[in-house]
């Protein structure tokens, strides 16, 4: 059977059970559980330092009511980061390359920020649909444009994460296939291709980290508009 480059993005199924559920549960198993002891190991210290630094960076643009979301956003960031990094390992499946999963993360969080804005400050939330000082003839047009841009936000969140990870995985597979094919005919070119593959893999590690951070950062900015 001839496999396509896009077959790596198909959700694997074993005995009728979708393994995407196992992939979603795996990140929680990998992280160490905090203990009640005074002295913690280096892994726990590093994990605590990372979480504290990220939480401080995340809360910078948020006012005091938005700090209630710190634990939720930090957990989401660590979860997405772990899924993206595990997907770079050989013979693994990356759940965040599925648009349906990413939209399942984006839509509820975006909708929660909109509902909070409409509940706490409805005038200010609706005021975002019409910039101040707009000429009267342009008011209907601008309201339609701002409403469309508001509903596009969760789609942009999900598509951005999916597209960046999918493009990176496809590029890695293409270059790896080229290096394998050229190994027997042009060894020098194959070595150069393998070097490019190594650099691209390092770049994809950075992309996996940045995309998880950008996803949560944009959610925090949406929250800031409504609290």
N, C-alpha and C. Protein backbone atom coordinates (compact mmCIF):
# COMPACT_ATOMS: atom_id res chain seq x y z
N UNK A 1 0.85 -1.19 0.00
CA UNK A 1 0.00 0.00 0.00
C UNK A 1 0.88 1.24 0.00
N UNK A 2 0.60 2.18 -0.86
CA UNK A 2 1.37 3.41 -0.96
C UNK A 2 0.80 4.43 0.02
N UNK A 3 1.67 4.95 0.87
CA UNK A 3 1.26 5.90 1.89
C UNK A 3 1.48 7.31 1.41
N UNK A 4 0.61 8.20 1.77
CA UNK A 4 0.73 9.60 1.44
C UNK A 4 1.46 10.33 2.57
N UNK A 5 2.01 11.50 2.23
CA UNK A 5 2.67 12.31 3.25
C UNK A 5 1.68 12.77 4.32
N UNK A 6 0.42 12.83 3.96
CA UNK A 6 -0.58 13.31 4.90
C UNK A 6 -1.13 12.19 5.79
N UNK A 7 -0.70 10.95 5.57
CA UNK A 7 -1.19 9.86 6.40
C UNK A 7 -0.70 9.97 7.84
N UNK A 8 0.40 10.70 8.06
CA UNK A 8 0.90 10.85 9.41
C UNK A 8 -0.04 11.67 10.29
N UNK A 9 -0.96 12.43 9.66
CA UNK A 9 -1.88 13.26 10.42
C UNK A 9 -3.21 12.58 10.68
N UNK A 10 -3.36 11.33 10.22
CA UNK A 10 -4.58 10.58 10.50
C UNK A 10 -4.55 10.07 11.93
N UNK A 11 -5.67 10.18 12.61
CA UNK A 11 -5.75 9.69 13.98
C UNK A 11 -5.64 8.17 14.00
N UNK A 12 -4.63 7.61 14.66
CA UNK A 12 -4.46 6.14 14.65
C UNK A 12 -5.55 5.46 15.48
N UNK A 13 -5.94 4.29 15.02
CA UNK A 13 -6.98 3.50 15.68
C UNK A 13 -6.44 2.09 15.89
N UNK A 14 -6.62 1.57 17.10
CA UNK A 14 -6.16 0.21 17.42
C UNK A 14 -7.32 -0.53 18.06
N UNK A 15 -7.73 -1.63 17.41
CA UNK A 15 -8.86 -2.44 17.88
C UNK A 15 -10.12 -1.60 18.02
N UNK A 16 -10.28 -0.67 17.08
CA UNK A 16 -11.46 0.18 17.10
C UNK A 16 -11.42 1.31 18.11
N UNK A 17 -10.30 1.45 18.82
CA UNK A 17 -10.17 2.50 19.85
C UNK A 17 -9.29 3.60 19.30
N UNK A 18 -9.76 4.85 19.21
CA UNK A 18 -8.89 5.95 18.74
C UNK A 18 -7.79 6.24 19.76
N UNK A 19 -6.55 6.18 19.30
CA UNK A 19 -5.42 6.38 20.19
C UNK A 19 -5.17 7.85 20.51
N UNK A 20 -5.96 8.76 19.92
CA UNK A 20 -5.80 10.16 20.26
C UNK A 20 -6.14 10.40 21.74
N UNK A 21 -7.04 9.57 22.29
CA UNK A 21 -7.37 9.70 23.72
C UNK A 21 -6.15 9.38 24.57
N UNK A 22 -5.39 8.35 24.18
CA UNK A 22 -4.17 8.02 24.91
C UNK A 22 -3.13 9.12 24.78
N UNK A 23 -3.04 9.71 23.58
CA UNK A 23 -2.08 10.80 23.38
C UNK A 23 -2.43 12.02 24.21
N UNK A 24 -3.73 12.26 24.44
CA UNK A 24 -4.13 13.40 25.25
C UNK A 24 -3.90 13.16 26.75
N UNK A 25 -3.93 11.89 27.17
CA UNK A 25 -3.70 11.58 28.58
C UNK A 25 -2.22 11.48 28.93
N UNK A 26 -1.37 11.24 27.93
CA UNK A 26 0.04 11.00 28.20
C UNK A 26 0.75 12.19 28.86
N UNK A 27 0.50 13.45 28.44
CA UNK A 27 1.25 14.55 29.08
C UNK A 27 1.07 14.63 30.59
N UNK A 28 -0.10 14.30 31.09
CA UNK A 28 -0.33 14.39 32.54
C UNK A 28 0.43 13.31 33.29
N UNK A 29 0.77 12.21 32.63
CA UNK A 29 1.51 11.15 33.28
C UNK A 29 2.99 11.49 33.39
N UNK A 30 3.50 12.29 32.45
CA UNK A 30 4.94 12.56 32.40
C UNK A 30 5.40 13.54 33.47
N UNK A 31 4.54 14.43 33.91
CA UNK A 31 4.97 15.45 34.86
C UNK A 31 5.01 14.89 36.27
N UNK A 32 6.04 15.24 37.03
CA UNK A 32 6.12 14.75 38.42
C UNK A 32 5.05 15.38 39.29
N UNK A 33 4.60 14.61 40.27
CA UNK A 33 3.55 15.07 41.19
C UNK A 33 4.22 15.73 42.39
N UNK A 34 3.79 16.93 42.79
CA UNK A 34 4.38 17.58 43.97
C UNK A 34 4.18 16.75 45.21
N UNK A 35 5.18 16.76 46.09
CA UNK A 35 5.12 16.03 47.34
C UNK A 35 5.07 17.01 48.51
N UNK A 36 4.79 16.48 49.68
CA UNK A 36 4.70 17.31 50.88
C UNK A 36 6.06 17.51 51.55
N UNK A 37 7.13 17.00 50.98
CA UNK A 37 8.45 17.14 51.59
C UNK A 37 8.98 18.56 51.40
N UNK A 38 9.81 19.00 52.36
CA UNK A 38 10.39 20.33 52.28
C UNK A 38 11.37 20.44 51.13
N UNK A 39 12.22 19.43 50.99
CA UNK A 39 13.25 19.45 49.94
C UNK A 39 12.73 18.71 48.72
N UNK A 40 12.71 19.38 47.58
CA UNK A 40 12.25 18.78 46.33
C UNK A 40 13.46 18.50 45.44
N UNK A 41 13.27 17.62 44.46
CA UNK A 41 14.36 17.29 43.55
C UNK A 41 14.52 18.37 42.49
N UNK A 42 15.50 18.20 41.63
CA UNK A 42 15.81 19.21 40.63
C UNK A 42 14.70 19.33 39.59
N UNK A 43 14.06 18.21 39.27
CA UNK A 43 12.98 18.26 38.29
C UNK A 43 11.82 19.11 38.78
N UNK A 44 11.45 18.91 40.04
CA UNK A 44 10.37 19.71 40.61
C UNK A 44 10.75 21.18 40.70
N UNK A 45 12.02 21.45 41.04
CA UNK A 45 12.47 22.84 41.13
C UNK A 45 12.43 23.51 39.76
N UNK A 46 12.90 22.81 38.73
CA UNK A 46 12.87 23.37 37.38
C UNK A 46 11.44 23.57 36.90
N UNK A 47 10.57 22.62 37.18
CA UNK A 47 9.17 22.75 36.78
C UNK A 47 8.51 23.93 37.49
N UNK A 48 8.77 24.08 38.77
CA UNK A 48 8.20 25.21 39.51
C UNK A 48 8.72 26.55 39.01
N UNK A 49 10.02 26.60 38.69
CA UNK A 49 10.59 27.85 38.17
C UNK A 49 9.97 28.21 36.83
N UNK A 50 9.79 27.24 35.95
CA UNK A 50 9.20 27.50 34.64
C UNK A 50 7.76 27.99 34.77
N UNK A 51 6.99 27.33 35.63
CA UNK A 51 5.59 27.73 35.80
C UNK A 51 5.49 29.13 36.38
N UNK A 52 6.34 29.45 37.36
CA UNK A 52 6.30 30.78 37.96
C UNK A 52 6.67 31.86 36.95
N UNK A 53 7.71 31.61 36.14
CA UNK A 53 8.12 32.60 35.15
C UNK A 53 7.05 32.81 34.10
N UNK A 54 6.46 31.72 33.63
CA UNK A 54 5.41 31.85 32.61
C UNK A 54 4.19 32.56 33.17
N UNK A 55 3.81 32.23 34.40
CA UNK A 55 2.64 32.87 35.00
C UNK A 55 2.86 34.37 35.17
N UNK A 56 4.06 34.76 35.60
CA UNK A 56 4.36 36.18 35.73
C UNK A 56 4.30 36.89 34.39
N UNK A 57 4.84 36.26 33.36
CA UNK A 57 4.81 36.86 32.03
C UNK A 57 3.38 36.94 31.49
N UNK A 58 2.58 35.95 31.80
CA UNK A 58 1.21 35.91 31.30
C UNK A 58 0.34 36.96 31.97
N UNK A 59 0.60 37.24 33.25
CA UNK A 59 -0.25 38.16 34.00
C UNK A 59 0.12 39.62 33.80
N UNK A 60 1.19 39.89 33.07
CA UNK A 60 1.61 41.29 32.89
C UNK A 60 0.52 42.15 32.24
N UNK A 61 -0.11 41.71 31.13
CA UNK A 61 -1.13 42.59 30.52
C UNK A 61 -2.50 42.51 31.18
N UNK A 62 -2.67 41.60 32.15
CA UNK A 62 -3.99 41.40 32.75
C UNK A 62 -4.14 42.22 34.03
N UNK A 63 -5.34 42.74 34.25
CA UNK A 63 -5.62 43.40 35.51
C UNK A 63 -6.01 42.35 36.56
N UNK A 64 -6.37 42.81 37.75
CA UNK A 64 -6.56 41.90 38.87
C UNK A 64 -7.66 40.85 38.64
N UNK A 65 -8.81 41.20 38.08
CA UNK A 65 -9.83 40.15 37.87
C UNK A 65 -9.37 39.04 36.92
N UNK A 66 -8.46 39.36 36.00
CA UNK A 66 -7.99 38.34 35.07
C UNK A 66 -7.02 37.36 35.68
N UNK A 67 -6.51 37.65 36.89
CA UNK A 67 -5.56 36.74 37.54
C UNK A 67 -6.20 35.43 37.96
N UNK A 68 -7.54 35.40 38.01
CA UNK A 68 -8.21 34.15 38.35
C UNK A 68 -7.97 33.06 37.30
N UNK A 69 -7.63 33.49 36.10
CA UNK A 69 -7.44 32.55 35.00
C UNK A 69 -5.99 32.04 34.91
N UNK A 70 -5.13 32.44 35.83
CA UNK A 70 -3.71 32.11 35.72
C UNK A 70 -3.48 30.60 35.73
N UNK A 71 -4.09 29.89 36.66
CA UNK A 71 -3.88 28.44 36.75
C UNK A 71 -4.40 27.73 35.51
N UNK A 72 -5.55 28.18 34.99
CA UNK A 72 -6.13 27.55 33.80
C UNK A 72 -5.25 27.78 32.58
N UNK A 73 -4.80 29.02 32.38
CA UNK A 73 -3.95 29.31 31.23
C UNK A 73 -2.59 28.61 31.34
N UNK A 74 -2.03 28.55 32.53
CA UNK A 74 -0.75 27.87 32.70
C UNK A 74 -0.87 26.38 32.41
N UNK A 75 -1.95 25.76 32.88
CA UNK A 75 -2.18 24.34 32.59
C UNK A 75 -2.34 24.10 31.10
N UNK A 76 -3.08 24.99 30.44
CA UNK A 76 -3.28 24.85 28.99
C UNK A 76 -1.96 25.01 28.24
N UNK A 77 -1.14 25.95 28.68
CA UNK A 77 0.16 26.16 28.03
C UNK A 77 1.05 24.92 28.17
N UNK A 78 1.13 24.36 29.35
CA UNK A 78 1.96 23.18 29.57
C UNK A 78 1.42 21.99 28.78
N UNK A 79 0.10 21.87 28.73
CA UNK A 79 -0.52 20.76 28.00
C UNK A 79 -0.22 20.85 26.51
N UNK A 80 -0.43 22.02 25.91
CA UNK A 80 -0.16 22.20 24.48
C UNK A 80 1.33 22.04 24.18
N UNK A 81 2.17 22.58 25.05
CA UNK A 81 3.62 22.48 24.84
C UNK A 81 4.07 21.02 24.84
N UNK A 82 3.54 20.24 25.78
CA UNK A 82 3.92 18.82 25.85
C UNK A 82 3.43 18.05 24.64
N UNK A 83 2.20 18.32 24.20
CA UNK A 83 1.68 17.64 23.01
C UNK A 83 2.51 17.98 21.78
N UNK A 84 2.86 19.25 21.63
CA UNK A 84 3.66 19.66 20.47
C UNK A 84 5.05 19.03 20.49
N UNK A 85 5.67 18.96 21.66
CA UNK A 85 7.02 18.41 21.75
C UNK A 85 7.02 16.90 21.55
N UNK A 86 6.03 16.21 22.12
CA UNK A 86 5.96 14.76 21.94
C UNK A 86 5.70 14.38 20.49
N UNK A 87 5.03 15.26 19.75
CA UNK A 87 4.76 14.99 18.35
C UNK A 87 5.98 15.03 17.47
N UNK A 88 7.09 15.58 17.97
CA UNK A 88 8.33 15.62 17.19
C UNK A 88 9.14 14.34 17.32
N UNK A 89 8.76 13.46 18.23
CA UNK A 89 9.46 12.19 18.38
C UNK A 89 9.08 11.25 17.23
N UNK A 90 9.99 10.35 16.84
CA UNK A 90 9.66 9.41 15.75
C UNK A 90 8.54 8.46 16.14
N UNK A 91 7.72 8.11 15.15
CA UNK A 91 6.63 7.14 15.31
C UNK A 91 5.63 7.59 16.37
N UNK A 92 5.38 8.85 16.42
CA UNK A 92 4.37 9.38 17.35
C UNK A 92 3.31 10.13 16.57
N UNK A 93 2.21 10.41 17.25
CA UNK A 93 1.10 11.14 16.65
C UNK A 93 0.92 12.46 17.38
N UNK A 94 0.75 13.54 16.62
CA UNK A 94 0.59 14.87 17.20
C UNK A 94 -0.88 15.25 17.19
N UNK A 95 -1.56 15.23 18.33
CA UNK A 95 -2.99 15.58 18.34
C UNK A 95 -3.26 17.01 17.92
N UNK A 96 -2.30 17.93 18.15
CA UNK A 96 -2.52 19.33 17.83
C UNK A 96 -2.41 19.63 16.34
N UNK A 97 -2.17 18.63 15.50
CA UNK A 97 -2.27 18.83 14.06
C UNK A 97 -3.71 18.63 13.57
N UNK A 98 -4.61 18.27 14.48
CA UNK A 98 -6.02 18.08 14.14
C UNK A 98 -6.77 19.39 14.40
N UNK A 99 -7.36 19.94 13.36
CA UNK A 99 -8.09 21.20 13.50
C UNK A 99 -9.27 21.06 14.45
N UNK A 100 -9.90 19.92 14.46
CA UNK A 100 -11.06 19.72 15.34
C UNK A 100 -10.66 19.83 16.81
N UNK A 101 -9.50 19.27 17.16
CA UNK A 101 -9.03 19.35 18.55
C UNK A 101 -8.68 20.78 18.92
N UNK A 102 -7.96 21.47 18.04
CA UNK A 102 -7.57 22.85 18.33
C UNK A 102 -8.79 23.77 18.43
N UNK A 103 -9.79 23.53 17.58
CA UNK A 103 -11.02 24.31 17.69
C UNK A 103 -11.76 23.97 18.97
N UNK A 104 -11.63 22.73 19.42
CA UNK A 104 -12.23 22.36 20.70
C UNK A 104 -11.60 23.08 21.87
N UNK A 105 -10.33 23.46 21.74
CA UNK A 105 -9.69 24.29 22.76
C UNK A 105 -10.04 25.77 22.58
N UNK A 106 -10.04 26.23 21.33
CA UNK A 106 -10.16 27.67 21.07
C UNK A 106 -11.57 28.19 21.32
N UNK A 107 -12.57 27.48 20.82
CA UNK A 107 -13.94 28.00 20.89
C UNK A 107 -14.45 28.15 22.33
N UNK A 108 -14.32 27.14 23.20
CA UNK A 108 -14.83 27.33 24.57
C UNK A 108 -14.13 28.45 25.33
N UNK A 109 -12.79 28.56 25.19
CA UNK A 109 -12.08 29.62 25.90
C UNK A 109 -12.46 31.00 25.36
N UNK A 110 -12.55 31.12 24.04
CA UNK A 110 -12.96 32.40 23.45
C UNK A 110 -14.38 32.75 23.86
N UNK A 111 -15.27 31.79 23.83
CA UNK A 111 -16.66 32.04 24.20
C UNK A 111 -16.77 32.43 25.67
N UNK A 112 -15.93 31.83 26.50
CA UNK A 112 -15.96 32.18 27.92
C UNK A 112 -15.55 33.63 28.13
N UNK A 113 -14.53 34.10 27.41
CA UNK A 113 -14.11 35.50 27.55
C UNK A 113 -15.20 36.45 27.07
N UNK A 114 -15.89 36.09 25.99
CA UNK A 114 -16.96 36.95 25.47
C UNK A 114 -18.12 37.00 26.46
N UNK A 115 -18.50 35.86 27.02
CA UNK A 115 -19.61 35.82 27.97
C UNK A 115 -19.27 36.62 29.23
N UNK A 116 -18.03 36.51 29.68
CA UNK A 116 -17.63 37.28 30.86
C UNK A 116 -17.72 38.77 30.58
N UNK A 117 -17.30 39.19 29.39
CA UNK A 117 -17.38 40.61 29.05
C UNK A 117 -18.82 41.09 28.98
N UNK A 118 -19.71 40.29 28.38
CA UNK A 118 -21.11 40.68 28.28
C UNK A 118 -21.79 40.68 29.64
N UNK A 119 -21.33 39.86 30.56
CA UNK A 119 -21.96 39.80 31.88
C UNK A 119 -21.45 40.92 32.80
N UNK A 120 -20.15 41.17 32.79
CA UNK A 120 -19.57 42.14 33.72
C UNK A 120 -19.68 43.57 33.23
N UNK A 121 -19.41 43.79 31.95
CA UNK A 121 -19.45 45.15 31.40
C UNK A 121 -20.03 45.10 30.00
N UNK A 122 -21.34 44.96 29.88
CA UNK A 122 -21.96 44.81 28.55
C UNK A 122 -21.76 46.02 27.65
N UNK A 123 -21.77 47.22 28.24
CA UNK A 123 -21.61 48.42 27.42
C UNK A 123 -20.23 48.46 26.78
N UNK A 124 -19.20 48.20 27.56
CA UNK A 124 -17.84 48.21 27.03
C UNK A 124 -17.61 47.08 26.04
N UNK A 125 -18.20 45.91 26.32
CA UNK A 125 -18.03 44.77 25.41
C UNK A 125 -18.67 45.04 24.05
N UNK A 126 -19.86 45.61 24.07
CA UNK A 126 -20.52 45.95 22.81
C UNK A 126 -19.88 47.17 22.16
N UNK A 127 -19.24 48.02 22.97
CA UNK A 127 -18.58 49.19 22.42
C UNK A 127 -17.38 48.86 21.55
N UNK A 128 -16.81 47.65 21.72
CA UNK A 128 -15.70 47.24 20.87
C UNK A 128 -16.13 47.05 19.41
N UNK A 129 -17.43 46.87 19.19
CA UNK A 129 -17.91 46.67 17.83
C UNK A 129 -18.00 47.97 17.04
N UNK A 130 -17.88 49.10 17.73
CA UNK A 130 -17.99 50.39 17.05
C UNK A 130 -16.93 51.33 17.60
N UNK A 131 -15.83 51.58 16.85
CA UNK A 131 -14.79 52.49 17.33
C UNK A 131 -15.34 53.90 17.55
N UNK A 132 -14.75 54.57 18.51
CA UNK A 132 -15.20 55.92 18.85
C UNK A 132 -14.86 56.89 17.72
N UNK A 133 -15.79 57.81 17.44
CA UNK A 133 -15.58 58.81 16.40
C UNK A 133 -15.86 58.32 15.00
N UNK A 134 -16.58 57.21 14.86
CA UNK A 134 -16.89 56.68 13.54
C UNK A 134 -17.94 57.55 12.84
N UNK A 135 -17.74 57.92 11.58
CA UNK A 135 -18.78 58.66 10.86
C UNK A 135 -20.08 57.87 10.79
N UNK A 136 -21.19 58.59 10.83
CA UNK A 136 -22.51 57.94 10.87
C UNK A 136 -22.75 57.02 9.67
N UNK A 137 -22.40 57.41 8.43
CA UNK A 137 -22.67 56.49 7.30
C UNK A 137 -21.91 55.17 7.39
N UNK A 138 -20.77 55.16 8.11
CA UNK A 138 -19.96 53.94 8.18
C UNK A 138 -20.33 53.05 9.35
N UNK A 139 -21.25 53.49 10.20
CA UNK A 139 -21.56 52.71 11.41
C UNK A 139 -22.07 51.31 11.09
N UNK A 140 -23.05 51.12 10.19
CA UNK A 140 -23.51 49.74 9.92
C UNK A 140 -22.40 48.84 9.36
N UNK A 141 -21.58 49.41 8.47
CA UNK A 141 -20.52 48.61 7.85
C UNK A 141 -19.49 48.19 8.89
N UNK A 142 -19.08 49.12 9.76
CA UNK A 142 -18.07 48.81 10.76
C UNK A 142 -18.59 47.81 11.79
N UNK A 143 -19.86 47.91 12.13
CA UNK A 143 -20.41 46.94 13.08
C UNK A 143 -20.37 45.54 12.49
N UNK A 144 -20.70 45.41 11.20
CA UNK A 144 -20.65 44.10 10.55
C UNK A 144 -19.22 43.58 10.50
N UNK A 145 -18.26 44.47 10.14
CA UNK A 145 -16.86 44.05 10.03
C UNK A 145 -16.32 43.63 11.39
N UNK A 146 -16.59 44.40 12.44
CA UNK A 146 -16.10 44.07 13.78
C UNK A 146 -16.74 42.80 14.31
N UNK A 147 -18.01 42.58 13.98
CA UNK A 147 -18.66 41.35 14.41
C UNK A 147 -18.04 40.13 13.75
N UNK A 148 -17.76 40.25 12.45
CA UNK A 148 -17.11 39.15 11.73
C UNK A 148 -15.71 38.89 12.30
N UNK A 149 -14.96 39.95 12.56
CA UNK A 149 -13.61 39.78 13.12
C UNK A 149 -13.67 39.15 14.51
N UNK A 150 -14.73 39.44 15.27
CA UNK A 150 -14.89 38.84 16.60
C UNK A 150 -15.11 37.34 16.49
N UNK A 151 -15.95 36.91 15.55
CA UNK A 151 -16.25 35.49 15.41
C UNK A 151 -15.13 34.73 14.68
N UNK A 152 -14.24 35.44 14.03
CA UNK A 152 -13.12 34.78 13.35
C UNK A 152 -12.00 34.43 14.34
N UNK A 153 -12.00 35.07 15.50
CA UNK A 153 -10.91 34.87 16.45
C UNK A 153 -10.66 33.41 16.82
N UNK A 154 -11.68 32.63 17.22
CA UNK A 154 -11.39 31.23 17.55
C UNK A 154 -10.92 30.43 16.34
N UNK A 155 -11.46 30.75 15.16
CA UNK A 155 -10.99 30.06 13.94
C UNK A 155 -9.52 30.36 13.68
N UNK A 156 -9.13 31.63 13.89
CA UNK A 156 -7.73 31.99 13.68
C UNK A 156 -6.82 31.29 14.69
N UNK A 157 -7.29 31.16 15.93
CA UNK A 157 -6.49 30.45 16.94
C UNK A 157 -6.24 29.00 16.53
N UNK A 158 -7.33 28.31 16.15
CA UNK A 158 -7.19 26.90 15.80
C UNK A 158 -6.40 26.68 14.52
N UNK A 159 -6.67 27.50 13.50
CA UNK A 159 -5.98 27.32 12.21
C UNK A 159 -4.50 27.66 12.34
N UNK A 160 -4.15 28.69 13.13
CA UNK A 160 -2.75 29.06 13.28
C UNK A 160 -1.94 27.92 13.88
N UNK A 161 -2.45 27.32 14.94
CA UNK A 161 -1.74 26.21 15.59
C UNK A 161 -1.66 25.00 14.67
N UNK A 162 -2.77 24.68 14.00
CA UNK A 162 -2.78 23.52 13.11
C UNK A 162 -1.86 23.70 11.92
N UNK A 163 -1.91 24.87 11.29
CA UNK A 163 -1.13 25.10 10.07
C UNK A 163 0.36 25.10 10.36
N UNK A 164 0.79 25.73 11.43
CA UNK A 164 2.22 25.79 11.73
C UNK A 164 2.80 24.41 12.03
N UNK A 165 2.08 23.62 12.81
CA UNK A 165 2.59 22.29 13.14
C UNK A 165 2.52 21.35 11.95
N UNK A 166 1.44 21.43 11.17
CA UNK A 166 1.32 20.57 9.99
C UNK A 166 2.40 20.88 8.96
N UNK A 167 2.63 22.17 8.71
CA UNK A 167 3.67 22.55 7.73
C UNK A 167 5.04 22.08 8.18
N UNK A 168 5.34 22.22 9.45
CA UNK A 168 6.64 21.78 9.94
C UNK A 168 6.84 20.28 9.82
N UNK A 169 5.81 19.50 10.17
CA UNK A 169 5.92 18.05 10.06
C UNK A 169 6.06 17.61 8.61
N UNK A 170 5.31 18.24 7.72
CA UNK A 170 5.43 17.89 6.30
C UNK A 170 6.82 18.20 5.77
N UNK A 171 7.37 19.35 6.14
CA UNK A 171 8.70 19.73 5.66
C UNK A 171 9.76 18.77 6.19
N UNK A 172 9.65 18.38 7.44
CA UNK A 172 10.60 17.41 8.01
C UNK A 172 10.52 16.09 7.27
N UNK A 173 9.31 15.63 6.98
CA UNK A 173 9.17 14.34 6.27
C UNK A 173 9.71 14.43 4.85
N UNK A 174 9.47 15.55 4.17
CA UNK A 174 9.97 15.70 2.81
C UNK A 174 11.50 15.69 2.78
N UNK A 175 12.13 16.44 3.67
CA UNK A 175 13.59 16.50 3.68
C UNK A 175 14.18 15.17 4.13
N UNK A 176 13.55 14.50 5.09
CA UNK A 176 14.04 13.20 5.52
C UNK A 176 13.95 12.17 4.39
N UNK A 177 12.86 12.21 3.63
CA UNK A 177 12.73 11.31 2.48
C UNK A 177 13.78 11.60 1.43
N UNK A 178 14.05 12.89 1.18
CA UNK A 178 15.08 13.25 0.20
C UNK A 178 16.46 12.78 0.65
N UNK A 179 16.77 12.94 1.94
CA UNK A 179 18.07 12.48 2.44
C UNK A 179 18.20 10.96 2.32
N UNK A 180 17.13 10.24 2.57
CA UNK A 180 17.17 8.77 2.48
C UNK A 180 17.36 8.32 1.03
N UNK A 181 16.69 8.98 0.09
CA UNK A 181 16.80 8.60 -1.32
C UNK A 181 18.18 8.93 -1.88
N UNK A 182 18.75 10.08 -1.47
CA UNK A 182 20.03 10.51 -2.00
C UNK A 182 21.21 9.82 -1.34
N UNK A 183 20.98 9.06 -0.27
CA UNK A 183 22.10 8.44 0.46
C UNK A 183 22.89 7.46 -0.41
N UNK A 184 22.22 6.74 -1.31
CA UNK A 184 22.91 5.74 -2.12
C UNK A 184 23.50 6.31 -3.40
N UNK A 185 22.96 7.39 -3.90
CA UNK A 185 23.42 7.94 -5.17
C UNK A 185 24.37 9.13 -4.99
N UNK A 186 24.04 10.05 -4.10
CA UNK A 186 24.87 11.24 -3.87
C UNK A 186 25.09 11.42 -2.37
N UNK A 187 26.08 10.74 -1.81
CA UNK A 187 26.27 10.79 -0.35
C UNK A 187 26.54 12.19 0.19
N UNK A 188 27.31 12.99 -0.57
CA UNK A 188 27.63 14.34 -0.09
C UNK A 188 26.37 15.19 0.03
N UNK A 189 25.54 15.12 -1.00
CA UNK A 189 24.29 15.87 -0.96
C UNK A 189 23.38 15.34 0.14
N UNK A 190 23.42 14.04 0.37
CA UNK A 190 22.60 13.45 1.43
C UNK A 190 23.04 13.95 2.81
N UNK A 191 24.36 14.09 3.00
CA UNK A 191 24.87 14.61 4.28
C UNK A 191 24.43 16.06 4.48
N UNK A 192 24.51 16.85 3.41
CA UNK A 192 24.06 18.25 3.50
C UNK A 192 22.56 18.31 3.79
N UNK A 193 21.80 17.44 3.15
CA UNK A 193 20.35 17.39 3.40
C UNK A 193 20.06 16.99 4.83
N UNK A 194 20.82 16.03 5.35
CA UNK A 194 20.63 15.61 6.74
C UNK A 194 20.97 16.75 7.71
N UNK A 195 21.98 17.56 7.35
CA UNK A 195 22.31 18.71 8.19
C UNK A 195 21.16 19.73 8.20
N UNK A 196 20.59 19.95 7.02
CA UNK A 196 19.43 20.84 6.95
C UNK A 196 18.27 20.27 7.77
N UNK A 197 18.11 18.95 7.72
CA UNK A 197 17.05 18.30 8.50
C UNK A 197 17.25 18.51 9.99
N UNK A 198 18.50 18.41 10.46
CA UNK A 198 18.79 18.63 11.88
C UNK A 198 18.46 20.06 12.29
N UNK A 199 18.86 21.03 11.46
CA UNK A 199 18.57 22.43 11.77
C UNK A 199 17.06 22.69 11.75
N UNK A 200 16.38 22.07 10.79
CA UNK A 200 14.93 22.24 10.72
C UNK A 200 14.24 21.63 11.93
N UNK A 201 14.75 20.51 12.42
CA UNK A 201 14.17 19.90 13.62
C UNK A 201 14.33 20.81 14.83
N UNK A 202 15.49 21.44 14.96
CA UNK A 202 15.69 22.41 16.04
C UNK A 202 14.72 23.59 15.90
N UNK A 203 14.52 24.01 14.66
CA UNK A 203 13.56 25.10 14.42
C UNK A 203 12.14 24.67 14.80
N UNK A 204 11.79 23.43 14.51
CA UNK A 204 10.46 22.95 14.83
C UNK A 204 10.25 22.84 16.34
N UNK A 205 11.32 22.55 17.07
CA UNK A 205 11.21 22.54 18.53
C UNK A 205 10.85 23.94 19.03
N UNK A 206 11.52 24.95 18.45
CA UNK A 206 11.20 26.33 18.82
C UNK A 206 9.78 26.70 18.41
N UNK A 207 9.36 26.25 17.22
CA UNK A 207 8.00 26.55 16.75
C UNK A 207 6.97 25.90 17.66
N UNK A 208 7.22 24.67 18.09
CA UNK A 208 6.29 23.98 18.98
C UNK A 208 6.11 24.74 20.29
N UNK A 209 7.20 25.29 20.82
CA UNK A 209 7.12 26.06 22.06
C UNK A 209 6.44 27.40 21.83
N UNK A 210 6.80 28.08 20.74
CA UNK A 210 6.26 29.41 20.48
C UNK A 210 4.76 29.35 20.19
N UNK A 211 4.33 28.35 19.42
CA UNK A 211 2.91 28.27 19.07
C UNK A 211 2.04 28.00 20.29
N UNK A 212 2.52 27.18 21.21
CA UNK A 212 1.77 26.96 22.45
C UNK A 212 1.67 28.25 23.25
N UNK A 213 2.76 29.00 23.31
CA UNK A 213 2.76 30.27 24.04
C UNK A 213 1.85 31.29 23.36
N UNK A 214 1.90 31.39 22.04
CA UNK A 214 1.08 32.36 21.31
C UNK A 214 -0.41 32.04 21.48
N UNK A 215 -0.75 30.77 21.48
CA UNK A 215 -2.15 30.37 21.65
C UNK A 215 -2.70 30.90 22.98
N UNK A 216 -1.95 30.68 24.06
CA UNK A 216 -2.40 31.12 25.38
C UNK A 216 -2.30 32.64 25.51
N UNK A 217 -1.28 33.24 24.90
CA UNK A 217 -1.13 34.69 24.99
C UNK A 217 -2.30 35.41 24.32
N UNK A 218 -2.73 34.94 23.17
CA UNK A 218 -3.87 35.57 22.50
C UNK A 218 -5.16 35.40 23.31
N UNK A 219 -5.31 34.25 23.94
CA UNK A 219 -6.47 34.06 24.81
C UNK A 219 -6.45 35.05 25.97
N UNK A 220 -5.25 35.29 26.52
CA UNK A 220 -5.14 36.26 27.63
C UNK A 220 -5.45 37.67 27.15
N UNK A 221 -5.07 38.00 25.94
CA UNK A 221 -5.39 39.34 25.40
C UNK A 221 -6.90 39.48 25.15
N UNK A 222 -7.54 38.41 24.69
CA UNK A 222 -8.99 38.45 24.53
C UNK A 222 -9.67 38.62 25.89
N UNK A 223 -9.11 37.96 26.91
CA UNK A 223 -9.67 38.09 28.25
C UNK A 223 -9.49 39.50 28.78
N UNK A 224 -8.35 40.11 28.48
CA UNK A 224 -8.08 41.46 28.96
C UNK A 224 -9.11 42.47 28.42
N UNK A 225 -9.60 42.24 27.23
CA UNK A 225 -10.60 43.14 26.66
C UNK A 225 -11.95 43.06 27.37
N UNK A 226 -12.17 41.98 28.11
CA UNK A 226 -13.50 41.75 28.67
C UNK A 226 -13.54 41.71 30.20
N UNK A 227 -12.44 42.02 30.86
CA UNK A 227 -12.45 42.05 32.33
C UNK A 227 -12.05 43.44 32.80
